[in-house]
């Protein structure tokens, strides 16, 4: 059986409370924040990151997108490069739909990682969560 938490070039893992520094770095970049959030852009604190992680953990699925470790990486841990999630509201679960969110750190954009993560989470949403519709919001 294939590993459900991998795609061709990426690994997906749970978002943990101790990922606050990574989360803060990822969403604090002003361009990234404007791409993934409808709220007024303002500097985010580490406490904001901790609160956001608690929210992310409440979603249908929220995972960190990672590149596999290379032989040069100390410790051999996968390298976190972004986040992908399926968000649904409890009062709408009977409609069996969710909203897809994806965010990659700037240096990993334009390399196909976002497309691969989107394909993976769409497959997970339709096959594992039995969703009927997945939508994507984008901000200009």
C-alpha atoms as a PDB file:
ATOM      1  CA  UNK A   1       0.000   0.000   0.000  1.00  0.00           C
ATOM      2  CA  UNK A   2       1.346   3.459  -0.915  1.00  0.00           C
ATOM      3  CA  UNK A   3       2.161   5.952   1.834  1.00  0.00           C
ATOM      4  CA  UNK A   4      -0.834   8.285   2.108  1.00  0.00           C
ATOM      5  CA  UNK A   5       1.334  11.082   3.507  1.00  0.00           C
ATOM      6  CA  UNK A   6       3.610  11.337   0.468  1.00  0.00           C
ATOM      7  CA  UNK A   7       3.333  12.363  -3.133  1.00  0.00           C
ATOM      8  CA  UNK A   8       5.970  12.005  -5.834  1.00  0.00           C
ATOM      9  CA  UNK A   9       8.383  14.628  -4.471  1.00  0.00           C
ATOM     10  CA  UNK A  10       6.833  15.788  -1.194  1.00  0.00           C
ATOM     11  CA  UNK A  11       6.077  14.575   2.325  1.00  0.00           C
ATOM     12  CA  UNK A  12       3.115  15.803   4.388  1.00  0.00           C
ATOM     13  CA  UNK A  13       3.141  15.836   8.171  1.00  0.00           C
ATOM     14  CA  UNK A  14       0.973  17.077  11.014  1.00  0.00           C
ATOM     15  CA  UNK A  15       1.324  20.630  12.225  1.00  0.00           C
ATOM     16  CA  UNK A  16       2.673  20.540  15.794  1.00  0.00           C
ATOM     17  CA  UNK A  17       2.647  23.182  18.514  1.00  0.00           C
ATOM     18  CA  UNK A  18       6.455  23.422  18.321  1.00  0.00           C
ATOM     19  CA  UNK A  19       6.150  24.453  14.643  1.00  0.00           C
ATOM     20  CA  UNK A  20       5.324  28.021  15.760  1.00  0.00           C
ATOM     21  CA  UNK A  21       8.659  29.438  14.532  1.00  0.00           C
ATOM     22  CA  UNK A  22       8.240  27.857  11.074  1.00  0.00           C
ATOM     23  CA  UNK A  23       4.592  28.945  10.908  1.00  0.00           C
ATOM     24  CA  UNK A  24       5.529  32.476  11.947  1.00  0.00           C
ATOM     25  CA  UNK A  25       8.281  32.688   9.271  1.00  0.00           C
ATOM     26  CA  UNK A  26       5.941  31.326   6.601  1.00  0.00           C
ATOM     27  CA  UNK A  27       2.944  33.580   7.203  1.00  0.00           C
ATOM     28  CA  UNK A  28       4.827  36.699   8.335  1.00  0.00           C
ATOM     29  CA  UNK A  29       6.168  37.555   4.894  1.00  0.00           C
ATOM     30  CA  UNK A  30       3.878  40.390   3.744  1.00  0.00           C
ATOM     31  CA  UNK A  31       3.343  39.049   0.193  1.00  0.00           C
ATOM     32  CA  UNK A  32       2.557  35.560   1.487  1.00  0.00           C
ATOM     33  CA  UNK A  33       0.164  36.942   4.058  1.00  0.00           C
ATOM     34  CA  UNK A  34      -1.715  38.932   1.426  1.00  0.00           C
ATOM     35  CA  UNK A  35      -2.038  35.824  -0.765  1.00  0.00           C
ATOM     36  CA  UNK A  36      -3.570  33.637   1.930  1.00  0.00           C
ATOM     37  CA  UNK A  37      -5.530  35.921   4.226  1.00  0.00           C
ATOM     38  CA  UNK A  38      -8.381  38.353   3.690  1.00  0.00           C
ATOM     39  CA  UNK A  39      -7.564  40.207   6.907  1.00  0.00           C
ATOM     40  CA  UNK A  40      -5.712  43.499   6.959  1.00  0.00           C
ATOM     41  CA  UNK A  41      -1.988  42.829   6.574  1.00  0.00           C
ATOM     42  CA  UNK A  42      -0.091  43.629   9.748  1.00  0.00           C
ATOM     43  CA  UNK A  43       2.997  42.196  11.411  1.00  0.00           C
ATOM     44  CA  UNK A  44       2.286  38.873  13.131  1.00  0.00           C
ATOM     45  CA  UNK A  45       3.711  37.872  16.499  1.00  0.00           C
ATOM     46  CA  UNK A  46       4.830  34.454  17.674  1.00  0.00           C
ATOM     47  CA  UNK A  47       1.723  34.391  19.887  1.00  0.00           C
ATOM     48  CA  UNK A  48      -0.370  34.927  16.723  1.00  0.00           C
ATOM     49  CA  UNK A  49       1.366  31.868  15.241  1.00  0.00           C
ATOM     50  CA  UNK A  50       0.516  29.738  18.287  1.00  0.00           C
ATOM     51  CA  UNK A  51      -3.143  30.778  18.062  1.00  0.00           C
ATOM     52  CA  UNK A  52      -3.178  30.089  14.324  1.00  0.00           C
ATOM     53  CA  UNK A  53      -1.694  26.617  14.829  1.00  0.00           C
ATOM     54  CA  UNK A  54      -4.480  25.791  17.280  1.00  0.00           C
ATOM     55  CA  UNK A  55      -6.984  26.900  14.609  1.00  0.00           C
ATOM     56  CA  UNK A  56      -5.200  24.908  11.874  1.00  0.00           C
ATOM     57  CA  UNK A  57      -5.373  21.775  14.042  1.00  0.00           C
ATOM     58  CA  UNK A  58      -9.182  22.150  14.192  1.00  0.00           C
ATOM     59  CA  UNK A  59      -9.529  21.985  10.393  1.00  0.00           C
ATOM     60  CA  UNK A  60     -10.591  18.947   8.396  1.00  0.00           C
ATOM     61  CA  UNK A  61      -6.929  18.536   7.385  1.00  0.00           C
ATOM     62  CA  UNK A  62      -3.950  20.842   7.773  1.00  0.00           C
ATOM     63  CA  UNK A  63      -0.428  19.613   7.063  1.00  0.00           C
ATOM     64  CA  UNK A  64       3.051  20.953   6.576  1.00  0.00           C
ATOM     65  CA  UNK A  65       4.456  20.405   3.080  1.00  0.00           C
ATOM     66  CA  UNK A  66       8.026  19.072   3.280  1.00  0.00           C
ATOM     67  CA  UNK A  67      10.824  18.185   0.916  1.00  0.00           C
ATOM     68  CA  UNK A  68      12.576  14.908   1.742  1.00  0.00           C
ATOM     69  CA  UNK A  69      15.853  15.334   3.603  1.00  0.00           C
ATOM     70  CA  UNK A  70      18.992  15.237   1.519  1.00  0.00           C
ATOM     71  CA  UNK A  71      22.209  13.556   2.598  1.00  0.00           C
ATOM     72  CA  UNK A  72      23.621  17.006   3.381  1.00  0.00           C
ATOM     73  CA  UNK A  73      20.824  17.800   5.876  1.00  0.00           C
ATOM     74  CA  UNK A  74      21.839  17.453   9.509  1.00  0.00           C
ATOM     75  CA  UNK A  75      19.558  15.024  11.303  1.00  0.00           C
ATOM     76  CA  UNK A  76      17.900  13.855   8.111  1.00  0.00           C
ATOM     77  CA  UNK A  77      14.562  15.510   8.926  1.00  0.00           C
ATOM     78  CA  UNK A  78      12.242  16.554   6.076  1.00  0.00           C
ATOM     79  CA  UNK A  79      12.493  20.254   5.176  1.00  0.00           C
ATOM     80  CA  UNK A  80       9.248  22.211   5.774  1.00  0.00           C
ATOM     81  CA  UNK A  81       8.406  24.496   2.850  1.00  0.00           C
ATOM     82  CA  UNK A  82       4.734  25.390   3.294  1.00  0.00           C
ATOM     83  CA  UNK A  83       1.236  24.498   4.408  1.00  0.00           C
ATOM     84  CA  UNK A  84      -1.817  22.999   2.736  1.00  0.00           C
ATOM     85  CA  UNK A  85      -5.237  22.545   4.335  1.00  0.00           C
ATOM     86  CA  UNK A  86      -8.892  21.785   3.829  1.00  0.00           C
ATOM     87  CA  UNK A  87     -11.145  24.073   5.817  1.00  0.00           C
ATOM     88  CA  UNK A  88     -14.815  23.412   6.480  1.00  0.00           C
ATOM     89  CA  UNK A  89     -17.291  25.014   8.814  1.00  0.00           C
ATOM     90  CA  UNK A  90     -19.036  22.724  11.293  1.00  0.00           C
ATOM     91  CA  UNK A  91     -22.502  24.066  10.470  1.00  0.00           C
ATOM     92  CA  UNK A  92     -21.965  23.255   6.769  1.00  0.00           C
ATOM     93  CA  UNK A  93     -20.480  19.754   7.013  1.00  0.00           C
ATOM     94  CA  UNK A  94     -23.687  18.175   5.711  1.00  0.00           C
ATOM     95  CA  UNK A  95     -22.870  19.749   2.309  1.00  0.00           C
ATOM     96  CA  UNK A  96     -19.588  17.781   2.243  1.00  0.00           C
ATOM     97  CA  UNK A  97     -17.428  20.549   0.878  1.00  0.00           C
ATOM     98  CA  UNK A  98     -14.286  22.336   1.993  1.00  0.00           C
ATOM     99  CA  UNK A  99     -12.061  25.236   1.034  1.00  0.00           C
ATOM    100  CA  UNK A 100      -8.466  24.542   0.038  1.00  0.00           C
ATOM    101  CA  UNK A 101      -5.679  26.755   1.371  1.00  0.00           C
ATOM    102  CA  UNK A 102      -2.082  26.498   0.201  1.00  0.00           C
ATOM    103  CA  UNK A 103       0.934  28.591   1.137  1.00  0.00           C
ATOM    104  CA  UNK A 104       4.557  28.043   0.141  1.00  0.00           C
ATOM    105  CA  UNK A 105       7.583  29.909   1.378  1.00  0.00           C
ATOM    106  CA  UNK A 106       8.701  32.326  -1.315  1.00  0.00           C
ATOM    107  CA  UNK A 107      11.930  30.506  -2.214  1.00  0.00           C
ATOM    108  CA  UNK A 108       9.971  27.325  -3.024  1.00  0.00           C
ATOM    109  CA  UNK A 109       7.342  28.950  -5.244  1.00  0.00           C
ATOM    110  CA  UNK A 110       7.373  28.421  -9.018  1.00  0.00           C
ATOM    111  CA  UNK A 111       8.938  24.942  -8.798  1.00  0.00           C
ATOM    112  CA  UNK A 112       5.782  22.795  -9.038  1.00  0.00           C
ATOM    113  CA  UNK A 113       5.555  22.074  -5.297  1.00  0.00           C
ATOM    114  CA  UNK A 114       2.253  23.951  -4.901  1.00  0.00           C
ATOM    115  CA  UNK A 115       0.670  22.106  -7.826  1.00  0.00           C
ATOM    116  CA  UNK A 116       1.806  18.758  -6.446  1.00  0.00           C
ATOM    117  CA  UNK A 117       0.482  19.567  -2.952  1.00  0.00           C
ATOM    118  CA  UNK A 118      -2.862  20.694  -4.408  1.00  0.00           C
ATOM    119  CA  UNK A 119      -3.214  17.454  -6.402  1.00  0.00           C
ATOM    120  CA  UNK A 120      -2.379  15.451  -3.268  1.00  0.00           C
ATOM    121  CA  UNK A 121      -4.883  17.237  -1.014  1.00  0.00           C
ATOM    122  CA  UNK A 122      -7.622  17.085  -3.674  1.00  0.00           C
ATOM    123  CA  UNK A 123      -7.121  13.328  -3.877  1.00  0.00           C
ATOM    124  CA  UNK A 124      -7.194  13.060  -0.064  1.00  0.00           C
ATOM    125  CA  UNK A 125     -10.330  15.224   0.156  1.00  0.00           C
ATOM    126  CA  UNK A 126     -12.321  13.276  -2.416  1.00  0.00           C
ATOM    127  CA  UNK A 127     -11.082   9.773  -1.556  1.00  0.00           C
ATOM    128  CA  UNK A 128     -10.468   9.857   2.195  1.00  0.00           C
ATOM    129  CA  UNK A 129     -12.884  12.557   3.401  1.00  0.00           C
ATOM    130  CA  UNK A 130     -15.582  11.712   0.825  1.00  0.00           C
ATOM    131  CA  UNK A 131     -16.104  15.368  -0.081  1.00  0.00           C
ATOM    132  CA  UNK A 132     -18.301  16.382  -3.008  1.00  0.00           C
ATOM    133  CA  UNK A 133     -16.743  19.782  -3.654  1.00  0.00           C
ATOM    134  CA  UNK A 134     -13.475  21.522  -2.862  1.00  0.00           C
ATOM    135  CA  UNK A 135     -13.130  25.232  -3.568  1.00  0.00           C
ATOM    136  CA  UNK A 136     -10.137  27.528  -3.651  1.00  0.00           C
ATOM    137  CA  UNK A 137     -10.133  31.173  -2.627  1.00  0.00           C
ATOM    138  CA  UNK A 138      -7.560  33.517  -4.112  1.00  0.00           C
ATOM    139  CA  UNK A 139      -6.792  37.110  -3.258  1.00  0.00           C
ATOM    140  CA  UNK A 140      -5.402  39.566  -5.762  1.00  0.00           C
END
